[in-house]
N, C-alpha and C. Protein backbone atom coordinates (compact mmCIF):
# COMPACT_ATOMS: atom_id res chain seq x y z
N MET A 1 -76.69 -42.16 -12.92
CA MET A 1 -77.82 -41.90 -13.77
C MET A 1 -78.95 -42.87 -13.39
N ASP A 2 -80.16 -42.36 -13.41
CA ASP A 2 -81.35 -43.16 -13.06
C ASP A 2 -81.77 -43.94 -14.27
N LYS A 3 -81.61 -45.26 -14.21
CA LYS A 3 -81.95 -46.11 -15.37
C LYS A 3 -83.45 -46.13 -15.65
N GLN A 4 -84.28 -45.98 -14.59
CA GLN A 4 -85.72 -45.94 -14.81
C GLN A 4 -86.11 -44.74 -15.68
N SER A 5 -85.49 -43.60 -15.41
CA SER A 5 -85.76 -42.40 -16.24
C SER A 5 -85.33 -42.61 -17.67
N LEU A 6 -84.20 -43.26 -17.84
CA LEU A 6 -83.71 -43.57 -19.17
C LEU A 6 -84.71 -44.49 -19.89
N LEU A 7 -85.18 -45.53 -19.23
CA LEU A 7 -86.15 -46.44 -19.83
C LEU A 7 -87.45 -45.73 -20.16
N ASP A 8 -87.91 -44.84 -19.30
CA ASP A 8 -89.12 -44.05 -19.55
C ASP A 8 -88.98 -43.20 -20.81
N LEU A 9 -87.81 -42.54 -20.97
CA LEU A 9 -87.56 -41.76 -22.17
C LEU A 9 -87.57 -42.61 -23.42
N LEU A 10 -86.97 -43.78 -23.36
CA LEU A 10 -86.93 -44.65 -24.52
C LEU A 10 -88.34 -45.16 -24.87
N ARG A 11 -89.12 -45.47 -23.86
CA ARG A 11 -90.49 -45.95 -24.15
C ARG A 11 -91.30 -44.83 -24.80
N HIS A 12 -91.02 -43.60 -24.49
CA HIS A 12 -91.74 -42.47 -25.09
C HIS A 12 -91.27 -42.24 -26.53
N ASP A 13 -89.96 -42.30 -26.76
CA ASP A 13 -89.42 -42.08 -28.12
C ASP A 13 -88.03 -42.71 -28.20
N ALA A 14 -87.95 -43.91 -28.73
CA ALA A 14 -86.66 -44.63 -28.82
C ALA A 14 -85.79 -44.12 -29.96
N ARG A 15 -86.26 -43.15 -30.73
CA ARG A 15 -85.45 -42.64 -31.83
C ARG A 15 -84.62 -41.43 -31.45
N GLU A 16 -84.77 -40.98 -30.24
CA GLU A 16 -83.97 -39.81 -29.82
C GLU A 16 -82.51 -40.18 -29.78
N SER A 17 -81.66 -39.22 -30.10
CA SER A 17 -80.22 -39.48 -30.09
C SER A 17 -79.73 -39.60 -28.64
N VAL A 18 -78.55 -40.18 -28.50
CA VAL A 18 -77.95 -40.32 -27.19
C VAL A 18 -77.70 -38.93 -26.59
N ASP A 19 -77.30 -37.97 -27.43
CA ASP A 19 -77.06 -36.59 -26.95
C ASP A 19 -78.35 -35.97 -26.41
N ASP A 20 -79.48 -36.17 -27.13
CA ASP A 20 -80.73 -35.59 -26.66
C ASP A 20 -81.19 -36.25 -25.33
N ILE A 21 -81.01 -37.56 -25.26
CA ILE A 21 -81.38 -38.28 -24.02
C ILE A 21 -80.51 -37.79 -22.88
N ALA A 22 -79.22 -37.63 -23.11
CA ALA A 22 -78.30 -37.18 -22.07
C ALA A 22 -78.70 -35.79 -21.60
N ARG A 23 -79.05 -34.93 -22.53
CA ARG A 23 -79.46 -33.56 -22.15
C ARG A 23 -80.71 -33.61 -21.29
N GLN A 24 -81.67 -34.43 -21.63
CA GLN A 24 -82.91 -34.54 -20.84
C GLN A 24 -82.68 -35.11 -19.47
N LEU A 25 -81.70 -36.00 -19.34
CA LEU A 25 -81.40 -36.63 -18.06
C LEU A 25 -80.38 -35.84 -17.25
N GLY A 26 -79.81 -34.83 -17.88
CA GLY A 26 -78.74 -34.09 -17.20
C GLY A 26 -77.50 -34.93 -16.95
N ALA A 27 -77.20 -35.78 -17.95
CA ALA A 27 -76.09 -36.75 -17.82
C ALA A 27 -75.16 -36.57 -19.00
N ASP A 28 -74.03 -37.20 -18.90
CA ASP A 28 -73.00 -37.20 -19.95
C ASP A 28 -73.43 -38.20 -21.05
N ALA A 29 -73.26 -37.85 -22.31
CA ALA A 29 -73.65 -38.73 -23.44
C ALA A 29 -72.92 -40.05 -23.35
N GLU A 30 -71.67 -40.07 -22.94
CA GLU A 30 -70.93 -41.34 -22.86
C GLU A 30 -71.54 -42.24 -21.76
N ALA A 31 -71.99 -41.64 -20.68
CA ALA A 31 -72.60 -42.42 -19.61
C ALA A 31 -73.95 -43.01 -20.10
N VAL A 32 -74.70 -42.24 -20.86
CA VAL A 32 -75.97 -42.73 -21.42
C VAL A 32 -75.71 -43.85 -22.39
N ALA A 33 -74.72 -43.70 -23.28
CA ALA A 33 -74.39 -44.76 -24.22
C ALA A 33 -73.98 -46.02 -23.51
N ALA A 34 -73.19 -45.90 -22.44
CA ALA A 34 -72.75 -47.08 -21.67
C ALA A 34 -73.94 -47.72 -20.98
N ALA A 35 -74.85 -46.92 -20.44
CA ALA A 35 -76.05 -47.46 -19.75
C ALA A 35 -76.93 -48.19 -20.76
N LEU A 36 -77.09 -47.61 -21.95
CA LEU A 36 -77.88 -48.30 -23.00
C LEU A 36 -77.28 -49.63 -23.39
N GLU A 37 -75.96 -49.65 -23.56
CA GLU A 37 -75.29 -50.90 -23.91
C GLU A 37 -75.46 -51.93 -22.81
N GLU A 38 -75.33 -51.50 -21.57
CA GLU A 38 -75.50 -52.43 -20.42
C GLU A 38 -76.91 -52.97 -20.38
N LEU A 39 -77.91 -52.09 -20.56
CA LEU A 39 -79.32 -52.53 -20.57
C LEU A 39 -79.60 -53.52 -21.70
N GLU A 40 -79.00 -53.30 -22.86
CA GLU A 40 -79.16 -54.23 -23.98
C GLU A 40 -78.44 -55.55 -23.70
N ASP A 41 -77.21 -55.47 -23.19
CA ASP A 41 -76.44 -56.69 -22.87
C ASP A 41 -77.11 -57.53 -21.82
N ASP A 42 -77.75 -56.86 -20.81
CA ASP A 42 -78.43 -57.57 -19.74
C ASP A 42 -79.80 -58.09 -20.13
N GLY A 43 -80.24 -57.77 -21.33
CA GLY A 43 -81.54 -58.25 -21.80
C GLY A 43 -82.72 -57.43 -21.26
N VAL A 44 -82.45 -56.28 -20.62
CA VAL A 44 -83.53 -55.43 -20.17
C VAL A 44 -84.20 -54.80 -21.40
N ILE A 45 -83.41 -54.25 -22.30
CA ILE A 45 -83.93 -53.73 -23.58
C ILE A 45 -83.78 -54.85 -24.58
N ARG A 46 -84.90 -55.34 -25.10
CA ARG A 46 -84.89 -56.47 -26.04
C ARG A 46 -84.99 -56.04 -27.50
N GLY A 47 -85.30 -54.79 -27.76
CA GLY A 47 -85.41 -54.33 -29.12
C GLY A 47 -86.09 -52.97 -29.15
N TYR A 48 -86.15 -52.42 -30.35
CA TYR A 48 -86.79 -51.12 -30.57
C TYR A 48 -87.76 -51.32 -31.72
N GLN A 49 -89.02 -50.89 -31.53
CA GLN A 49 -90.04 -51.13 -32.55
C GLN A 49 -90.86 -49.86 -32.79
N ALA A 50 -91.41 -49.78 -33.99
CA ALA A 50 -92.34 -48.71 -34.33
C ALA A 50 -93.75 -49.09 -33.92
N VAL A 51 -94.53 -48.11 -33.53
CA VAL A 51 -95.97 -48.33 -33.28
C VAL A 51 -96.68 -47.99 -34.59
N VAL A 52 -97.31 -48.99 -35.20
CA VAL A 52 -97.93 -48.86 -36.52
C VAL A 52 -99.43 -48.75 -36.39
N ASP A 53 -100.00 -47.75 -37.06
CA ASP A 53 -101.46 -47.65 -37.16
C ASP A 53 -101.85 -48.42 -38.41
N TRP A 54 -102.25 -49.68 -38.23
CA TRP A 54 -102.54 -50.56 -39.36
C TRP A 54 -103.73 -50.09 -40.16
N ASN A 55 -104.59 -49.24 -39.60
CA ASN A 55 -105.72 -48.71 -40.37
C ASN A 55 -105.25 -47.72 -41.42
N SER A 56 -104.03 -47.22 -41.27
CA SER A 56 -103.49 -46.27 -42.25
C SER A 56 -102.65 -46.95 -43.33
N VAL A 57 -102.57 -48.25 -43.28
CA VAL A 57 -101.79 -49.05 -44.25
C VAL A 57 -102.75 -49.68 -45.26
N ASP A 58 -102.39 -49.69 -46.52
CA ASP A 58 -103.29 -50.18 -47.57
C ASP A 58 -103.54 -51.68 -47.51
N GLU A 59 -102.53 -52.45 -47.16
CA GLU A 59 -102.74 -53.90 -47.17
C GLU A 59 -103.38 -54.38 -45.87
N GLU A 60 -104.14 -55.47 -45.99
CA GLU A 60 -104.85 -56.01 -44.84
C GLU A 60 -103.86 -56.57 -43.81
N HIS A 61 -104.16 -56.31 -42.56
CA HIS A 61 -103.35 -56.84 -41.45
C HIS A 61 -104.35 -57.13 -40.35
N VAL A 62 -104.46 -58.41 -39.97
CA VAL A 62 -105.47 -58.83 -39.02
C VAL A 62 -104.80 -59.22 -37.71
N ARG A 63 -105.40 -58.78 -36.61
CA ARG A 63 -104.91 -59.16 -35.28
C ARG A 63 -106.08 -59.75 -34.49
N ALA A 64 -105.75 -60.69 -33.64
CA ALA A 64 -106.75 -61.29 -32.77
C ALA A 64 -106.13 -61.51 -31.41
N GLN A 65 -106.98 -61.38 -30.41
CA GLN A 65 -106.56 -61.70 -29.05
C GLN A 65 -107.18 -63.06 -28.71
N VAL A 66 -106.35 -63.96 -28.31
CA VAL A 66 -106.80 -65.34 -28.07
C VAL A 66 -106.60 -65.72 -26.60
N GLU A 67 -107.71 -66.14 -26.00
CA GLU A 67 -107.67 -66.67 -24.63
C GLU A 67 -107.40 -68.17 -24.76
N VAL A 68 -106.46 -68.66 -23.95
CA VAL A 68 -106.13 -70.09 -24.02
C VAL A 68 -106.15 -70.67 -22.62
N ASP A 69 -106.94 -71.73 -22.45
CA ASP A 69 -106.95 -72.50 -21.21
C ASP A 69 -106.09 -73.74 -21.42
N VAL A 70 -105.35 -74.11 -20.40
CA VAL A 70 -104.53 -75.30 -20.48
C VAL A 70 -104.74 -76.16 -19.22
N GLU A 71 -104.42 -77.41 -19.35
CA GLU A 71 -104.44 -78.32 -18.21
C GLU A 71 -103.04 -78.87 -18.04
N LEU A 72 -102.45 -78.59 -16.89
CA LEU A 72 -101.08 -79.01 -16.61
C LEU A 72 -101.06 -80.44 -16.07
N ASP A 73 -99.94 -81.12 -16.33
CA ASP A 73 -99.72 -82.41 -15.69
C ASP A 73 -98.39 -82.38 -14.94
N ARG A 74 -97.97 -83.46 -14.40
CA ARG A 74 -96.75 -83.47 -13.58
C ARG A 74 -95.50 -83.15 -14.39
N GLU A 75 -95.51 -83.47 -15.67
CA GLU A 75 -94.33 -83.28 -16.48
C GLU A 75 -94.29 -81.91 -17.22
N THR A 76 -95.46 -81.28 -17.33
CA THR A 76 -95.55 -80.08 -18.15
C THR A 76 -96.01 -78.91 -17.33
N GLY A 77 -95.26 -77.79 -17.44
CA GLY A 77 -95.63 -76.57 -16.72
C GLY A 77 -95.92 -75.47 -17.70
N TYR A 78 -96.30 -74.30 -17.17
CA TYR A 78 -96.59 -73.14 -18.00
C TYR A 78 -95.42 -72.74 -18.88
N GLU A 79 -94.21 -72.78 -18.31
CA GLU A 79 -93.02 -72.36 -19.08
C GLU A 79 -92.85 -73.17 -20.35
N GLU A 80 -93.02 -74.49 -20.23
CA GLU A 80 -92.81 -75.34 -21.41
C GLU A 80 -93.88 -75.05 -22.47
N ILE A 81 -95.12 -74.88 -22.06
CA ILE A 81 -96.19 -74.58 -23.00
C ILE A 81 -95.92 -73.22 -23.66
N ALA A 82 -95.51 -72.26 -22.86
CA ALA A 82 -95.22 -70.91 -23.37
C ALA A 82 -94.07 -70.97 -24.39
N ARG A 83 -93.05 -71.75 -24.12
CA ARG A 83 -91.92 -71.85 -25.09
C ARG A 83 -92.42 -72.41 -26.44
N ARG A 84 -93.31 -73.39 -26.38
CA ARG A 84 -93.80 -73.96 -27.63
C ARG A 84 -94.66 -72.95 -28.41
N ILE A 85 -95.50 -72.22 -27.71
CA ILE A 85 -96.38 -71.25 -28.38
C ILE A 85 -95.56 -70.07 -28.91
N ALA A 86 -94.59 -69.60 -28.15
CA ALA A 86 -93.81 -68.41 -28.52
C ALA A 86 -93.00 -68.62 -29.79
N ARG A 87 -92.71 -69.86 -30.16
CA ARG A 87 -91.92 -70.14 -31.36
C ARG A 87 -92.63 -69.81 -32.66
N PHE A 88 -93.96 -69.73 -32.62
CA PHE A 88 -94.71 -69.42 -33.85
C PHE A 88 -94.54 -67.97 -34.24
N PRO A 89 -94.20 -67.69 -35.50
CA PRO A 89 -94.04 -66.30 -35.93
C PRO A 89 -95.35 -65.50 -35.89
N GLU A 90 -96.48 -66.14 -35.95
CA GLU A 90 -97.78 -65.46 -35.91
C GLU A 90 -98.07 -64.88 -34.53
N VAL A 91 -97.38 -65.39 -33.51
CA VAL A 91 -97.62 -64.93 -32.12
C VAL A 91 -96.81 -63.65 -31.89
N ALA A 92 -97.55 -62.53 -31.68
CA ALA A 92 -96.89 -61.24 -31.46
C ALA A 92 -96.69 -61.02 -29.97
N THR A 93 -97.62 -61.48 -29.16
CA THR A 93 -97.57 -61.32 -27.69
C THR A 93 -98.06 -62.59 -27.05
N LEU A 94 -97.40 -62.97 -25.97
CA LEU A 94 -97.81 -64.16 -25.21
C LEU A 94 -97.60 -63.88 -23.74
N ARG A 95 -98.69 -63.96 -22.99
CA ARG A 95 -98.61 -63.69 -21.55
C ARG A 95 -99.35 -64.75 -20.76
N LEU A 96 -98.82 -65.11 -19.62
CA LEU A 96 -99.52 -65.91 -18.61
C LEU A 96 -100.29 -64.91 -17.76
N VAL A 97 -101.58 -65.14 -17.59
CA VAL A 97 -102.44 -64.15 -16.90
C VAL A 97 -103.24 -64.80 -15.80
N SER A 98 -103.74 -64.00 -14.92
CA SER A 98 -104.66 -64.50 -13.90
C SER A 98 -106.09 -64.34 -14.44
N GLY A 99 -107.03 -65.03 -13.83
CA GLY A 99 -108.39 -64.86 -14.23
C GLY A 99 -109.01 -66.12 -14.79
N ASP A 100 -109.89 -65.95 -15.77
CA ASP A 100 -110.69 -67.04 -16.30
C ASP A 100 -109.96 -67.95 -17.28
N TYR A 101 -108.81 -67.53 -17.76
CA TYR A 101 -108.01 -68.32 -18.68
C TYR A 101 -106.55 -68.20 -18.30
N ASP A 102 -105.70 -69.03 -18.94
CA ASP A 102 -104.30 -69.08 -18.52
C ASP A 102 -103.37 -68.20 -19.34
N PHE A 103 -103.49 -68.23 -20.64
CA PHE A 103 -102.61 -67.47 -21.53
C PHE A 103 -103.41 -66.47 -22.36
N PHE A 104 -102.80 -65.32 -22.58
CA PHE A 104 -103.31 -64.33 -23.50
C PHE A 104 -102.32 -64.31 -24.66
N ILE A 105 -102.81 -64.50 -25.88
CA ILE A 105 -101.96 -64.50 -27.05
C ILE A 105 -102.51 -63.43 -28.02
N GLU A 106 -101.62 -62.58 -28.51
CA GLU A 106 -102.02 -61.71 -29.63
C GLU A 106 -101.42 -62.32 -30.87
N VAL A 107 -102.26 -62.61 -31.86
CA VAL A 107 -101.87 -63.28 -33.10
C VAL A 107 -102.05 -62.28 -34.25
N GLU A 108 -101.11 -62.31 -35.18
CA GLU A 108 -101.19 -61.45 -36.35
C GLU A 108 -101.15 -62.30 -37.61
N GLY A 109 -101.89 -61.86 -38.64
CA GLY A 109 -101.90 -62.60 -39.90
C GLY A 109 -102.40 -61.71 -41.02
N ALA A 110 -102.34 -62.30 -42.21
CA ALA A 110 -102.72 -61.55 -43.43
C ALA A 110 -104.23 -61.46 -43.63
N SER A 111 -104.97 -62.36 -42.98
CA SER A 111 -106.42 -62.35 -43.15
C SER A 111 -107.08 -63.02 -41.95
N MET A 112 -108.39 -62.85 -41.80
CA MET A 112 -109.10 -63.51 -40.70
C MET A 112 -109.00 -65.02 -40.87
N HIS A 113 -109.07 -65.46 -42.11
CA HIS A 113 -108.96 -66.90 -42.37
C HIS A 113 -107.60 -67.46 -41.92
N ALA A 114 -106.52 -66.72 -42.22
CA ALA A 114 -105.19 -67.17 -41.83
C ALA A 114 -105.05 -67.21 -40.29
N VAL A 115 -105.57 -66.21 -39.61
CA VAL A 115 -105.49 -66.20 -38.14
C VAL A 115 -106.34 -67.34 -37.57
N SER A 116 -107.56 -67.52 -38.09
CA SER A 116 -108.43 -68.57 -37.61
C SER A 116 -107.82 -69.94 -37.83
N ASN A 117 -107.21 -70.17 -39.00
CA ASN A 117 -106.54 -71.45 -39.28
C ASN A 117 -105.36 -71.65 -38.35
N PHE A 118 -104.57 -70.61 -38.08
CA PHE A 118 -103.46 -70.74 -37.16
C PHE A 118 -103.92 -71.19 -35.78
N VAL A 119 -104.97 -70.56 -35.27
CA VAL A 119 -105.46 -70.92 -33.94
C VAL A 119 -105.99 -72.37 -33.91
N SER A 120 -106.77 -72.72 -34.94
CA SER A 120 -107.38 -74.05 -34.94
C SER A 120 -106.40 -75.16 -35.30
N GLU A 121 -105.39 -74.86 -36.11
CA GLU A 121 -104.47 -75.91 -36.56
C GLU A 121 -103.16 -75.98 -35.80
N ARG A 122 -102.77 -74.89 -35.12
CA ARG A 122 -101.47 -74.87 -34.44
C ARG A 122 -101.56 -74.74 -32.94
N ILE A 123 -102.52 -73.93 -32.44
CA ILE A 123 -102.65 -73.71 -31.00
C ILE A 123 -103.58 -74.75 -30.36
N ALA A 124 -104.79 -74.88 -30.89
CA ALA A 124 -105.78 -75.78 -30.31
C ALA A 124 -105.29 -77.24 -30.20
N PRO A 125 -104.53 -77.75 -31.17
CA PRO A 125 -104.08 -79.17 -31.07
C PRO A 125 -102.97 -79.42 -30.04
N ILE A 126 -102.41 -78.39 -29.44
CA ILE A 126 -101.38 -78.64 -28.40
C ILE A 126 -102.05 -79.45 -27.30
N PRO A 127 -101.44 -80.58 -26.91
CA PRO A 127 -102.13 -81.51 -26.00
C PRO A 127 -102.64 -80.88 -24.71
N GLU A 128 -101.94 -79.92 -24.13
CA GLU A 128 -102.41 -79.34 -22.87
C GLU A 128 -103.48 -78.29 -23.01
N VAL A 129 -103.72 -77.81 -24.26
CA VAL A 129 -104.74 -76.79 -24.50
C VAL A 129 -106.12 -77.42 -24.42
N THR A 130 -106.98 -76.89 -23.57
CA THR A 130 -108.32 -77.42 -23.38
C THR A 130 -109.38 -76.51 -24.03
N LYS A 131 -109.05 -75.23 -24.26
CA LYS A 131 -110.04 -74.32 -24.81
C LYS A 131 -109.34 -73.10 -25.37
N THR A 132 -109.84 -72.58 -26.49
CA THR A 132 -109.39 -71.31 -27.03
C THR A 132 -110.63 -70.45 -27.34
N VAL A 133 -110.50 -69.15 -27.11
CA VAL A 133 -111.52 -68.19 -27.47
C VAL A 133 -110.81 -67.06 -28.23
N THR A 134 -111.21 -66.83 -29.47
CA THR A 134 -110.55 -65.84 -30.33
C THR A 134 -111.42 -64.59 -30.46
N HIS A 135 -110.82 -63.46 -30.22
CA HIS A 135 -111.46 -62.15 -30.38
C HIS A 135 -110.70 -61.39 -31.43
N PHE A 136 -111.32 -61.19 -32.60
CA PHE A 136 -110.67 -60.42 -33.66
C PHE A 136 -110.71 -58.93 -33.34
N VAL A 137 -109.59 -58.25 -33.53
CA VAL A 137 -109.53 -56.82 -33.28
C VAL A 137 -110.17 -56.11 -34.47
N MET A 138 -111.21 -55.31 -34.16
CA MET A 138 -111.94 -54.63 -35.20
C MET A 138 -111.35 -53.25 -35.45
N ASP A 139 -110.86 -52.60 -34.42
CA ASP A 139 -110.25 -51.28 -34.56
C ASP A 139 -109.35 -51.03 -33.34
N SER A 140 -108.32 -50.23 -33.51
CA SER A 140 -107.42 -49.91 -32.42
C SER A 140 -107.39 -48.39 -32.26
N TYR A 141 -107.49 -47.95 -31.02
CA TYR A 141 -107.52 -46.53 -30.74
C TYR A 141 -106.28 -46.03 -30.03
N LYS A 142 -105.55 -46.99 -29.40
CA LYS A 142 -104.35 -46.63 -28.69
C LYS A 142 -103.43 -47.84 -28.62
N GLU A 143 -102.15 -47.67 -28.92
CA GLU A 143 -101.17 -48.75 -28.88
C GLU A 143 -99.94 -48.25 -28.16
N GLU A 144 -99.48 -49.00 -27.18
CA GLU A 144 -98.23 -48.66 -26.47
C GLU A 144 -98.24 -47.20 -25.99
N GLY A 145 -99.40 -46.75 -25.53
CA GLY A 145 -99.49 -45.39 -25.00
C GLY A 145 -99.67 -44.29 -26.06
N ILE A 146 -99.77 -44.67 -27.31
CA ILE A 146 -99.92 -43.68 -28.39
C ILE A 146 -101.28 -43.79 -29.00
N GLU A 147 -102.00 -42.64 -29.03
CA GLU A 147 -103.32 -42.63 -29.65
C GLU A 147 -103.18 -42.77 -31.16
N LEU A 148 -104.07 -43.55 -31.74
CA LEU A 148 -104.07 -43.78 -33.19
C LEU A 148 -105.21 -43.04 -33.84
N GLY A 149 -105.22 -42.99 -35.14
CA GLY A 149 -106.31 -42.35 -35.88
C GLY A 149 -105.85 -41.02 -36.42
N ASP A 150 -106.83 -40.31 -37.00
CA ASP A 150 -106.53 -39.06 -37.69
C ASP A 150 -106.51 -37.85 -36.77
N GLY A 151 -106.80 -38.05 -35.47
CA GLY A 151 -106.76 -36.96 -34.53
C GLY A 151 -108.06 -36.18 -34.47
N ASP A 152 -109.00 -36.47 -35.34
CA ASP A 152 -110.30 -35.82 -35.29
C ASP A 152 -111.15 -36.53 -34.26
N ASP A 153 -111.46 -35.83 -33.18
CA ASP A 153 -112.14 -36.48 -32.07
C ASP A 153 -113.59 -36.80 -32.32
N ASP A 154 -114.26 -36.05 -33.20
CA ASP A 154 -115.71 -36.25 -33.36
C ASP A 154 -116.05 -36.28 -34.84
N ASP A 155 -116.42 -37.47 -35.32
CA ASP A 155 -116.76 -37.65 -36.73
C ASP A 155 -118.28 -37.52 -36.97
N ARG A 156 -119.04 -37.21 -35.92
CA ARG A 156 -120.48 -37.12 -36.09
C ARG A 156 -120.85 -35.83 -36.84
N LEU A 157 -121.94 -35.93 -37.60
CA LEU A 157 -122.44 -34.76 -38.29
C LEU A 157 -123.26 -33.93 -37.29
N SER A 158 -123.15 -32.62 -37.41
CA SER A 158 -123.97 -31.79 -36.50
C SER A 158 -125.41 -31.77 -37.01
N VAL A 159 -126.30 -31.79 -36.06
CA VAL A 159 -127.73 -31.77 -36.37
C VAL A 159 -128.31 -30.53 -35.72
N SER A 160 -129.04 -29.77 -36.49
CA SER A 160 -129.71 -28.59 -35.90
C SER A 160 -131.20 -28.72 -36.10
N PRO A 161 -131.96 -28.21 -35.11
CA PRO A 161 -133.43 -28.35 -35.20
C PRO A 161 -134.04 -27.49 -36.29
């Protein structure tokens, strides 16, 4: 069985049953179950999550994308800094990136104030951090390959002469 095809199906819809996945792959359900278990045991599959349209939820949920510059020394590398940052529950995503800054962090919180305080009180004081730039997410149109919103493509009013 092609594990890449299995992973592609899971990324599209991780709620499908093993029988449905097996049918789509033209494989035996037991083989699919064994492959899933192996991928989970090997750490390839780290979890299963829902894609949430936070604009459709009544309570406030704030996300920000934070650019972080760091200065390394002989004793400290990117991995060590990443381990420290990843421990915070507010950090949803943490990536080492190329370009104008070193780390990309997606932070989540209950309010803009909470996110701002987290960045200024927990991330910025890390000794190797030299600069942070926070971009608050105002709206999301697509997450993990899934379009968000009500599906109405055009909210403009029609104007006639």
